Amino acid sequence: MKVAIVGAGISGLSSAHYLRKLCSEGNVPLELVLFEASPRPGGVVDTLKNGDMVLELGPDSFITSKPWALDLARDLGIEDSLIGVGYGCKKNTFVYQAGELHALPQGFFLMAPSKLLPFLRCGLFSTGAKIRVLLEPLVPLGGDGDESVCSFVRRRFGREIFDKAAQPLLGGIYMADPEKLSLLSTMPQFLEMEKRSKSVLVDLIRNPPTSRGESGARYGLFLTPVEGMSVIVEKLCGSAEFARKHYKTPVVSLKKSERGWLIVSDSGEEEFDAAILSVGADAAGLLLSDIDPQLGTGLSGIHYVSSVVAVLVFDKKDFRGLPDGLGIIIPSKEGMNLVACSLYSSKFPGKSGSGKVVIRCFLGGELNPDAVFWDEEEIKSVLREELTRVFGFDNDPTEIYIRKYKMSMPRFALGHKDDISVVMHRLSRHRGLALCGAAYLGVGIPDCVHSGIIAARKIHMDMIR
C-alpha cells in the first residue's frame, strides 16, 4: 500500500505514525511519502534551543484531560521526559484591568466559579456581577440549537463576567471573537452542565474541575517534554519511516486515478493507493473542489484567524513587577494589542535557563487581524509600550523571538459541528481519502493527534476491504 501524507503538522505526522502501526500489526506492506509546503515538519510546533533555554514559539504544552497526546508520548517513548507546570509557584491567572493586575479567584473555571467564597471575596468583579452569578440557577435553560460563547456566558452569568473573564480567557485560547464562536464545538461541557443540573454554577460546585487551587486555565493538567515540543515531531518523523520526504513541495492538484489518487506537486505527478490531506480545510477544499464540489465547498467555508507569538527573554536580576502566577489575560475592552502573556519561566523553570525571566506574548487574532502584517520593529515597539503598562516597569529584554502564524487557527463558527458532520459524510464516499487537522475535532495538540488517528483508521479500513 502506497500512501501520500500531505502536510507535516502534528495531525499529518500522527496519521502516518498510527497508519504505520496498524499496517505493522496486520503485516500490510506500507510505503509512506510525505509532502510539505514549508521547509520543515511540525507546522506550528516550533522549539528554539539557545544555551540552556528551550523556548517554544508555538504551543508550549498539551492538556492531559484528553488522552491522545499523552498516549502518543507513551507510544514514542518520551513519557518519562514530560514535566508539569509551575511546581512551587502559585497557579494564578491575572486579569489586567485599568492599570492593575487582579488574580482570578481560586477555582474560577473559564466562565464561572467552582468555589463561592474566593469568588465573593475577589476584588475583580463588582457586587452587582457577584449577585448576578449567584442568581444563575434561576436562569431558564437555553434552546437545543448551537449558541455563541458570548451569548451563553451573558445569558447565564451577565455581561461583566463575560467582559472581564470569559472573553479574555477564551479569546486567548481560540484567538477568536466569542460572539462568533460556537460553544457546542469548543466547550460542550458547559452545555452538558446546563442540561444536567439546570445550572452551570450548581454543577461546577458539585463537580469542581480541579482541586489544585488554580484559577483560569487548568494548569495542573498540562505537560511538556523537557527537550521541547519539537521532540514529538522528531520522534513522529522517525516512527513513520517515510520512504521519501518532500519539503518546500506544495501539492497543487489531486485527481482520482486508476490506482487511487494522483498527486501533482512541484516534484511531478505520482500515483498513490491513498492520500491523507493534513492541510488547512480551505486548502483541502480547493484540492477537492473538482472531485467533489459539495465537499470542497464545505471545507472552504471554514474560516481561519491569524496570530503573532513573541518570546521575550530578560535577565531576572533586572526584571521588576513579575507577579506570582503563570499567566496574564487582557480583556479586549482595555483597547490593547496584547491578548495574553504566558509567564513561561514560572510555568516551566526547567526550560527557561538559569537567571532568566521568559514571557510569551500573544497578539492578533480575530479582533486584531492587522497585527500579523506588522513588521518586527512595529511588533517590538507595541510590546515594549504595552508590557510596561502591564508590569508597571520598563523592563528591557535581552532577546526577542517573533513568529507570525497567518490564517493558522480555525475559527469554529456557529453550526461548525453540523458542518463537519456533513463534510465527513461526504468524505466517507471516497475510498482511500482522509482528512485530518485542527479544523475538525479541535485546535489542541490532543485533538490534532486524535484527528490523525481517525484518518489512519479510515485509510487502513478502506485499503483492507
Protein backbone atom coordinates (compact mmCIF):
# COMPACT_ATOMS: atom_id res chain seq x y z
CA MET A 1 0.00 0.00 0.00
CA LYS A 2 1.39 3.37 -1.07
CA VAL A 3 0.03 6.39 0.80
CA ALA A 4 0.69 10.12 0.45
CA ILE A 5 0.71 12.26 3.59
CA VAL A 6 0.06 15.84 2.52
CA GLY A 7 1.10 18.17 5.35
CA ALA A 8 3.68 17.59 8.08
CA GLY A 9 1.98 19.15 11.08
CA ILE A 10 1.17 17.16 14.20
CA SER A 11 -2.04 15.78 12.64
CA GLY A 12 -0.41 14.54 9.45
CA LEU A 13 2.59 13.05 11.24
CA SER A 14 0.30 11.36 13.77
CA SER A 15 -1.75 9.84 10.95
CA ALA A 16 1.46 8.45 9.44
CA HIS A 17 2.59 7.04 12.81
CA TYR A 18 -0.70 5.29 13.51
CA LEU A 19 -1.12 4.04 9.95
CA ARG A 20 2.37 2.52 10.17
CA LYS A 21 1.35 0.90 13.46
CA LEU A 22 -1.90 -0.54 12.05
CA CYS A 23 -0.17 -1.92 8.97
CA SER A 24 2.63 -3.44 11.03
CA GLU A 25 0.13 -5.21 13.27
CA GLY A 26 -1.64 -6.63 10.19
CA ASN A 27 1.54 -7.37 8.22
CA VAL A 28 0.38 -5.00 5.47
CA PRO A 29 3.29 -3.58 3.40
CA LEU A 30 3.27 0.23 3.56
CA GLU A 31 5.13 2.92 1.66
CA LEU A 32 4.62 6.44 3.03
CA VAL A 33 5.57 9.57 1.10
CA LEU A 34 5.43 12.99 2.75
CA PHE A 35 4.64 16.29 1.01
CA GLU A 36 5.11 19.54 2.95
CA ALA A 37 4.92 23.08 1.59
CA SER A 38 7.22 24.58 4.23
CA PRO A 39 10.94 23.83 4.70
CA ARG A 40 10.44 21.77 7.87
CA PRO A 41 7.98 19.44 9.61
CA GLY A 42 5.92 20.32 12.67
CA GLY A 43 3.58 23.07 11.49
CA VAL A 44 3.03 25.47 14.39
CA VAL A 45 5.20 23.36 16.71
CA ASP A 46 8.48 25.30 16.82
CA THR A 47 11.10 24.83 19.55
CA LEU A 48 14.15 27.10 19.75
CA LYS A 49 17.16 25.97 21.79
CA ASN A 50 19.60 28.62 22.96
CA GLY A 51 22.17 27.60 25.54
CA ASP A 52 20.28 26.14 28.49
CA MET A 53 16.97 27.61 27.28
CA VAL A 54 14.34 25.53 25.49
CA LEU A 55 11.88 28.08 24.16
CA GLU A 56 8.55 27.36 22.49
CA LEU A 57 7.47 29.66 19.65
CA GLY A 58 4.32 27.61 19.06
CA PRO A 59 2.33 25.53 21.56
CA ASP A 60 4.28 25.05 24.79
CA SER A 61 2.46 22.02 26.23
CA PHE A 62 -0.55 19.74 25.84
CA ILE A 63 -3.52 19.04 28.06
CA THR A 64 -3.97 15.57 29.55
CA SER A 65 -7.74 15.62 30.13
CA LYS A 66 -7.94 14.42 26.53
CA PRO A 67 -5.85 11.24 26.33
CA TRP A 68 -4.49 11.16 22.79
CA ALA A 69 -1.34 13.28 23.12
CA LEU A 70 -0.26 11.54 26.32
CA ASP A 71 -0.92 8.15 24.71
CA LEU A 72 1.21 9.25 21.77
CA ALA A 73 4.02 10.34 24.11
CA ARG A 74 3.96 6.84 25.64
CA ASP A 75 4.00 5.34 22.15
CA LEU A 76 7.03 7.43 21.21
CA GLY A 77 8.92 6.58 24.40
CA ILE A 78 9.07 10.15 25.75
CA GLU A 79 6.63 9.85 28.67
CA ASP A 80 9.46 9.93 31.23
CA SER A 81 10.71 13.26 29.86
CA LEU A 82 7.38 15.04 30.43
CA ILE A 83 7.25 17.74 33.09
CA GLY A 84 4.30 19.55 34.64
CA VAL A 85 3.53 23.21 35.06
CA GLY A 86 4.81 25.58 37.68
CA TYR A 87 5.65 23.39 40.66
CA GLY A 88 6.38 25.61 43.66
CA CYS A 89 4.62 28.56 42.05
CA LYS A 90 1.10 29.83 42.62
CA LYS A 91 -1.01 28.87 39.63
CA ASN A 92 -2.73 32.24 39.42
CA THR A 93 -4.14 33.74 36.25
CA PHE A 94 -4.21 37.54 36.36
CA VAL A 95 -6.57 39.90 34.57
CA TYR A 96 -5.15 43.27 33.54
CA GLN A 97 -7.72 45.97 34.18
CA ALA A 98 -7.28 49.74 34.29
CA GLY A 99 -3.57 49.58 35.02
CA GLU A 100 -3.73 46.85 37.66
CA LEU A 101 -3.38 43.07 37.80
CA HIS A 102 -6.20 41.20 39.56
CA ALA A 103 -5.93 37.48 40.26
CA LEU A 104 -8.89 35.45 39.10
CA PRO A 105 -10.43 33.81 42.16
CA GLN A 106 -9.27 30.32 43.08
CA GLY A 107 -11.45 27.74 41.34
CA PHE A 108 -12.70 30.08 38.61
CA PHE A 109 -13.21 27.89 35.54
CA LEU A 110 -13.21 29.78 32.20
CA MET A 111 -16.57 31.48 32.74
CA ALA A 112 -17.79 30.66 36.24
CA PRO A 113 -16.64 29.91 39.80
CA SER A 114 -16.48 26.40 41.20
CA LYS A 115 -15.80 27.82 44.70
CA LEU A 116 -18.06 30.56 46.02
CA LEU A 117 -16.03 32.05 48.89
CA PRO A 118 -12.93 33.01 46.84
CA PHE A 119 -15.21 34.41 44.15
CA LEU A 120 -17.21 36.55 46.60
CA ARG A 121 -14.00 37.90 48.18
CA CYS A 122 -12.42 38.71 44.80
CA GLY A 123 -11.88 42.39 44.02
CA LEU A 124 -12.05 41.96 40.25
CA PHE A 125 -15.82 41.75 39.98
CA SER A 126 -18.40 44.26 41.20
CA THR A 127 -21.04 43.43 43.81
CA GLY A 128 -23.67 43.51 41.06
CA ALA A 129 -21.74 40.94 39.00
CA LYS A 130 -21.43 38.65 42.02
CA ILE A 131 -25.15 38.84 42.73
CA ARG A 132 -25.86 38.11 39.06
CA VAL A 133 -23.72 34.95 39.26
CA LEU A 134 -25.47 33.81 42.45
CA LEU A 135 -28.80 34.16 40.62
CA GLU A 136 -27.61 31.98 37.71
CA PRO A 137 -29.53 28.88 38.94
CA LEU A 138 -32.74 30.83 38.25
CA VAL A 139 -31.85 31.49 34.60
CA PRO A 140 -34.07 29.49 32.19
CA LEU A 141 -32.48 26.79 30.08
CA GLY A 142 -31.44 27.68 26.55
CA GLY A 143 -32.72 26.09 23.37
CA ASP A 144 -31.41 22.97 21.66
CA GLY A 145 -29.55 24.76 18.87
CA ASP A 146 -25.96 25.99 18.77
CA GLU A 147 -25.18 29.19 20.67
CA SER A 148 -22.22 31.53 20.62
CA VAL A 149 -19.86 31.59 23.60
CA CYS A 150 -20.71 35.25 24.12
CA SER A 151 -24.46 34.64 24.12
CA PHE A 152 -24.19 31.71 26.53
CA VAL A 153 -21.99 33.49 29.09
CA ARG A 154 -24.02 36.69 29.04
CA ARG A 155 -27.27 34.75 29.29
CA ARG A 156 -26.19 32.67 32.25
CA PHE A 157 -23.75 34.98 34.09
CA GLY A 158 -24.12 38.51 32.78
CA ARG A 159 -22.07 40.98 30.78
CA GLU A 160 -19.38 41.74 33.38
CA ILE A 161 -18.30 38.11 33.78
CA PHE A 162 -18.04 37.88 30.01
CA ASP A 163 -16.10 41.13 29.60
CA LYS A 164 -13.61 40.61 32.43
CA ALA A 165 -13.06 36.85 32.40
CA ALA A 166 -14.67 34.71 29.70
CA GLN A 167 -13.79 36.94 26.74
CA PRO A 168 -10.06 37.26 27.52
CA LEU A 169 -9.71 33.64 28.69
CA LEU A 170 -11.46 32.12 25.70
CA GLY A 171 -10.17 34.73 23.28
CA GLY A 172 -6.66 33.77 24.37
CA ILE A 173 -7.30 30.08 23.74
CA TYR A 174 -9.03 30.39 20.36
CA MET A 175 -7.84 33.86 19.21
CA ALA A 176 -11.41 34.33 18.00
CA ASP A 177 -14.31 36.69 18.55
CA PRO A 178 -16.51 34.93 21.16
CA GLU A 179 -19.59 36.48 19.53
CA LYS A 180 -18.90 34.24 16.51
CA LEU A 181 -17.50 31.21 18.36
CA SER A 182 -19.61 28.06 18.69
CA LEU A 183 -19.98 26.83 22.26
CA LEU A 184 -21.05 23.39 21.04
CA SER A 185 -17.80 22.98 19.07
CA THR A 186 -15.42 24.46 21.63
CA MET A 187 -16.78 23.84 25.14
CA PRO A 188 -19.74 21.49 25.00
CA GLN A 189 -19.17 20.57 28.67
CA PHE A 190 -20.90 23.82 29.69
CA LEU A 191 -23.99 22.89 27.69
CA GLU A 192 -23.91 19.49 29.40
CA MET A 193 -23.70 21.19 32.81
CA GLU A 194 -26.69 23.37 31.99
CA LYS A 195 -28.77 20.39 30.91
CA ARG A 196 -27.61 18.05 33.69
CA SER A 197 -28.06 20.38 36.67
CA LYS A 198 -30.17 23.14 35.09
CA SER A 199 -27.37 25.44 36.33
CA VAL A 200 -23.71 25.71 35.37
CA LEU A 201 -22.87 27.19 38.78
CA VAL A 202 -24.53 24.35 40.70
CA ASP A 203 -22.87 21.75 38.52
CA LEU A 204 -19.40 23.29 38.95
CA ILE A 205 -19.77 23.44 42.74
CA ARG A 206 -20.95 19.82 42.85
CA ASN A 207 -18.26 18.64 40.43
CA PRO A 208 -15.31 21.06 40.61
CA PRO A 209 -12.98 20.72 37.59
CA THR A 210 -9.80 20.97 39.65
CA SER A 211 -8.68 20.69 43.26
CA ARG A 212 -5.25 22.26 42.85
CA GLY A 213 -6.16 25.79 43.79
CA GLU A 214 -5.81 27.05 40.24
CA SER A 215 -7.62 29.92 38.58
CA GLY A 216 -8.49 30.43 34.93
CA ALA A 217 -6.61 27.82 32.93
CA ARG A 218 -6.33 24.28 34.36
CA TYR A 219 -2.54 24.44 34.58
CA GLY A 220 -2.23 21.22 36.56
CA LEU A 221 -3.48 19.23 33.57
CA PHE A 222 -0.68 20.34 31.20
CA LEU A 223 2.57 18.55 30.36
CA THR A 224 5.52 19.37 28.12
CA PRO A 225 8.64 17.46 27.04
CA VAL A 226 11.68 18.87 28.80
CA GLU A 227 13.58 18.64 25.47
CA GLY A 228 10.92 20.79 23.78
CA MET A 229 7.69 20.17 21.89
CA SER A 230 9.64 19.57 18.69
CA VAL A 231 10.87 16.25 20.09
CA ILE A 232 7.36 14.94 19.38
CA VAL A 233 7.80 15.96 15.74
CA GLU A 234 11.25 14.37 15.53
CA LYS A 235 10.04 11.10 17.03
CA LEU A 236 6.99 11.01 14.73
CA CYS A 237 9.14 11.55 11.64
CA GLY A 238 11.25 8.59 12.74
CA SER A 239 8.40 6.25 13.66
CA ALA A 240 6.56 6.87 10.38
CA GLU A 241 9.53 5.53 8.38
CA PHE A 242 8.81 7.68 5.34
CA ALA A 243 10.18 6.33 2.09
CA ARG A 244 10.61 9.92 0.91
CA LYS A 245 10.06 13.40 2.36
CA HIS A 246 9.40 16.33 0.03
CA TYR A 247 9.80 19.67 1.79
CA LYS A 248 9.14 23.02 0.10
CA THR A 249 6.79 20.99 -2.08
CA PRO A 250 3.15 22.10 -2.00
CA VAL A 251 0.61 19.79 -3.60
CA VAL A 252 -1.12 21.77 -6.35
CA SER A 253 -3.61 19.20 -7.59
CA LEU A 254 -5.32 15.98 -6.52
CA LYS A 255 -7.11 13.74 -9.01
CA LYS A 256 -8.75 10.34 -8.97
CA SER A 257 -6.79 7.75 -10.92
CA GLU A 258 -6.99 4.10 -11.86
CA ARG A 259 -4.83 3.11 -8.91
CA GLY A 260 -6.44 5.53 -6.46
CA TRP A 261 -5.15 9.10 -6.34
CA LEU A 262 -2.84 11.18 -8.49
CA ILE A 263 -0.81 13.78 -6.59
CA VAL A 264 0.56 16.68 -8.61
CA SER A 265 3.31 18.76 -6.99
CA ASP A 266 6.48 20.59 -7.91
CA SER A 267 8.13 17.16 -7.84
CA GLY A 268 5.88 15.98 -10.67
CA GLU A 269 2.96 13.55 -10.81
CA GLU A 270 2.78 10.41 -8.68
CA GLU A 271 0.08 7.79 -8.15
CA PHE A 272 -0.94 6.51 -4.72
CA ASP A 273 -3.39 3.98 -3.37
CA ALA A 274 -4.50 6.51 -0.76
CA ALA A 275 -3.94 10.07 0.42
CA ILE A 276 -4.29 11.81 3.78
CA LEU A 277 -4.76 15.57 3.50
CA SER A 278 -3.44 17.29 6.60
CA VAL A 279 -3.57 20.84 5.29
CA GLY A 280 -5.88 23.72 6.19
CA ALA A 281 -9.53 22.99 5.49
CA ASP A 282 -9.60 25.82 2.96
CA ALA A 283 -6.60 24.36 1.10
CA ALA A 284 -8.17 20.88 1.20
CA GLY A 285 -11.37 22.39 -0.19
CA LEU A 286 -9.51 23.78 -3.19
CA LEU A 287 -7.82 20.42 -3.86
CA LEU A 288 -11.17 18.60 -3.70
CA SER A 289 -13.38 21.16 -5.47
CA ASP A 290 -13.35 19.32 -8.81
CA ILE A 291 -13.53 15.81 -7.33
CA ASP A 292 -16.49 16.59 -5.06
CA PRO A 293 -17.82 20.17 -5.32
CA GLN A 294 -20.06 19.79 -2.25
CA LEU A 295 -17.16 18.52 -0.15
CA GLY A 296 -14.90 21.28 -1.48
CA THR A 297 -17.47 23.97 -0.66
CA GLY A 298 -17.99 22.63 2.86
CA LEU A 299 -14.26 22.69 3.58
CA SER A 300 -13.72 26.11 2.01
CA GLY A 301 -16.37 27.56 4.32
CA ILE A 302 -14.21 27.01 7.41
CA HIS A 303 -12.54 30.31 8.33
CA TYR A 304 -9.15 30.87 9.94
CA VAL A 305 -7.61 33.59 12.10
CA SER A 306 -4.01 34.77 12.40
CA SER A 307 -1.82 35.32 15.43
CA VAL A 308 1.60 36.55 16.47
CA VAL A 309 3.70 34.87 19.16
CA ALA A 310 6.63 36.75 20.67
CA VAL A 311 9.02 35.23 23.20
CA LEU A 312 10.94 37.77 25.28
CA VAL A 313 13.95 36.89 27.45
CA PHE A 314 15.02 39.13 30.35
CA ASP A 315 17.76 38.98 32.95
CA LYS A 316 15.99 38.01 36.16
CA LYS A 317 18.17 40.26 38.32
CA ASP A 318 16.97 43.31 36.38
CA PHE A 319 13.29 42.39 35.97
CA ARG A 320 10.71 44.19 38.09
CA GLY A 321 6.98 43.66 38.54
CA LEU A 322 6.71 39.92 37.92
CA PRO A 323 3.51 38.63 39.57
CA ASP A 324 3.36 35.33 41.43
CA GLY A 325 1.45 33.32 38.86
CA LEU A 326 1.55 31.72 35.45
CA GLY A 327 -0.39 33.91 33.07
CA ILE A 328 -1.96 37.28 32.35
CA ILE A 329 -5.02 37.90 30.18
CA ILE A 330 -6.07 41.25 28.76
CA PRO A 331 -9.77 41.96 28.06
CA SER A 332 -10.44 43.44 24.63
CA LYS A 333 -12.19 46.35 26.34
CA GLU A 334 -8.77 47.56 27.55
CA GLY A 335 -8.05 48.56 23.94
CA MET A 336 -4.62 46.92 23.87
CA ASN A 337 -2.94 44.84 21.19
CA LEU A 338 -1.77 42.19 23.66
CA VAL A 339 -4.22 39.32 24.07
CA ALA A 340 -2.34 37.44 26.77
CA CYS A 341 1.07 36.88 28.37
CA SER A 342 2.29 33.47 29.49
CA LEU A 343 4.89 33.66 32.28
CA TYR A 344 6.94 30.90 30.72
CA SER A 345 9.82 30.90 33.21
CA SER A 346 7.29 30.46 36.02
CA LYS A 347 5.40 27.76 34.14
CA PHE A 348 8.48 25.83 33.04
CA PRO A 349 11.54 26.87 35.08
CA GLY A 350 13.37 23.78 33.82
CA LYS A 351 13.14 25.00 30.23
CA SER A 352 13.83 28.70 30.75
CA GLY A 353 17.53 28.83 31.55
CA SER A 354 19.21 30.00 34.73
CA GLY A 355 18.78 33.59 35.84
CA LYS A 356 16.17 34.39 33.18
CA VAL A 357 12.61 35.65 33.05
CA VAL A 358 10.88 34.44 29.88
CA ILE A 359 7.50 35.77 28.79
CA ARG A 360 5.46 34.58 25.82
CA CYS A 361 3.19 37.25 24.36
CA PHE A 362 0.23 36.78 22.03
CA LEU A 363 -1.13 39.37 19.64
CA GLY A 364 -3.55 39.39 16.73
CA GLY A 365 -6.48 37.06 16.47
CA GLU A 366 -9.86 37.82 15.00
CA LEU A 367 -10.27 41.06 16.96
CA ASN A 368 -6.92 42.44 15.73
CA PRO A 369 -6.28 40.88 12.30
CA ASP A 370 -3.72 43.50 11.20
CA ALA A 371 -1.07 42.52 13.77
CA VAL A 372 0.22 39.65 11.64
CA PHE A 373 1.12 42.15 8.88
CA TRP A 374 3.23 44.43 11.12
CA ASP A 375 6.97 44.32 10.66
CA GLU A 376 9.13 43.14 13.55
CA GLU A 377 10.10 46.63 14.66
CA GLU A 378 6.45 47.64 14.96
CA ILE A 379 5.70 44.49 16.97
CA LYS A 380 8.64 45.18 19.27
CA SER A 381 7.50 48.77 19.78
CA VAL A 382 3.97 47.64 20.71
CA LEU A 383 5.35 45.01 23.09
CA ARG A 384 7.67 47.49 24.80
CA GLU A 385 4.88 50.01 25.38
CA GLU A 386 2.17 47.57 26.49
CA LEU A 387 4.36 45.36 28.67
CA THR A 388 5.45 48.49 30.52
CA ARG A 389 1.78 49.15 31.27
CA VAL A 390 1.11 45.56 32.34
CA PHE A 391 4.14 45.14 34.65
CA GLY A 392 4.44 48.74 35.76
CA PHE A 393 8.11 48.92 34.74
CA ASP A 394 10.10 49.34 31.56
CA ASN A 395 11.97 46.03 31.53
CA ASP A 396 14.45 45.65 28.67
CA PRO A 397 14.59 42.19 27.06
CA THR A 398 17.95 40.78 26.07
CA GLU A 399 16.38 38.71 23.29
CA ILE A 400 13.09 38.74 21.37
CA TYR A 401 11.89 35.97 19.05
CA ILE A 402 8.82 36.56 16.89
CA ARG A 403 6.70 34.15 14.85
CA LYS A 404 3.74 35.09 12.67
CA TYR A 405 1.08 32.47 12.05
CA LYS A 406 -1.05 33.65 9.15
CA MET A 407 -4.50 32.08 8.95
CA SER A 408 -3.35 29.14 11.06
CA MET A 409 -6.10 28.84 13.70
CA PRO A 410 -9.52 27.56 12.56
CA ARG A 411 -12.44 29.53 13.93
CA PHE A 412 -15.31 27.27 14.93
CA ALA A 413 -18.32 29.31 13.86
CA LEU A 414 -21.92 28.64 14.82
CA GLY A 415 -23.07 25.38 13.24
CA HIS A 416 -19.49 24.10 12.88
CA LYS A 417 -20.24 20.67 14.34
CA ASP A 418 -23.09 20.06 11.88
CA ASP A 419 -20.96 21.38 9.01
CA ILE A 420 -18.15 18.95 9.87
CA SER A 421 -20.63 16.07 10.09
CA VAL A 422 -21.71 16.83 6.51
CA VAL A 423 -18.06 17.03 5.41
CA MET A 424 -17.20 13.67 6.98
CA HIS A 425 -20.30 12.04 5.48
CA ARG A 426 -19.24 13.21 2.01
CA LEU A 427 -15.68 12.08 2.69
CA SER A 428 -16.84 8.55 3.54
CA ARG A 429 -17.86 8.11 -0.12
CA HIS A 430 -14.24 8.45 -1.27
CA ARG A 431 -12.20 5.30 -0.81
CA GLY A 432 -8.58 5.90 0.12
CA LEU A 433 -9.04 9.55 1.06
CA ALA A 434 -8.89 11.03 4.57
CA LEU A 435 -8.71 14.44 6.19
CA CYS A 436 -7.11 15.46 9.46
CA GLY A 437 -6.12 18.66 11.22
CA ALA A 438 -7.20 21.26 13.74
CA ALA A 439 -10.31 22.24 11.78
CA TYR A 440 -12.27 19.08 12.51
CA LEU A 441 -12.19 17.91 16.14
CA GLY A 442 -10.46 20.77 17.97
CA VAL A 443 -7.43 23.04 17.95
CA GLY A 444 -5.38 21.48 20.76
CA ILE A 445 -2.48 19.03 20.34
CA PRO A 446 -4.56 16.07 21.65
CA ASP A 447 -7.37 16.91 19.21
CA CYS A 448 -4.91 17.03 16.32
CA VAL A 449 -3.45 13.65 17.31
CA HIS A 450 -6.97 12.22 17.58
CA SER A 451 -7.77 13.57 14.12
CA GLY A 452 -4.68 11.81 12.77
CA ILE A 453 -5.73 8.53 14.43
CA ILE A 454 -9.18 8.68 12.80
CA ALA A 455 -7.63 9.41 9.40
CA ALA A 456 -5.24 6.46 9.75
CA ARG A 457 -8.10 4.12 10.69
CA LYS A 458 -10.16 5.22 7.68
CA ILE A 459 -7.32 4.60 5.24
CA HIS A 460 -6.49 1.25 6.83
CA MET A 461 -10.11 0.10 6.65
CA ASP A 462 -10.51 1.35 3.07
CA MET A 463 -7.40 -0.48 1.93
CA ILE A 464 -8.06 -3.87 3.58
CA ARG A 465 -11.69 -4.09 2.47
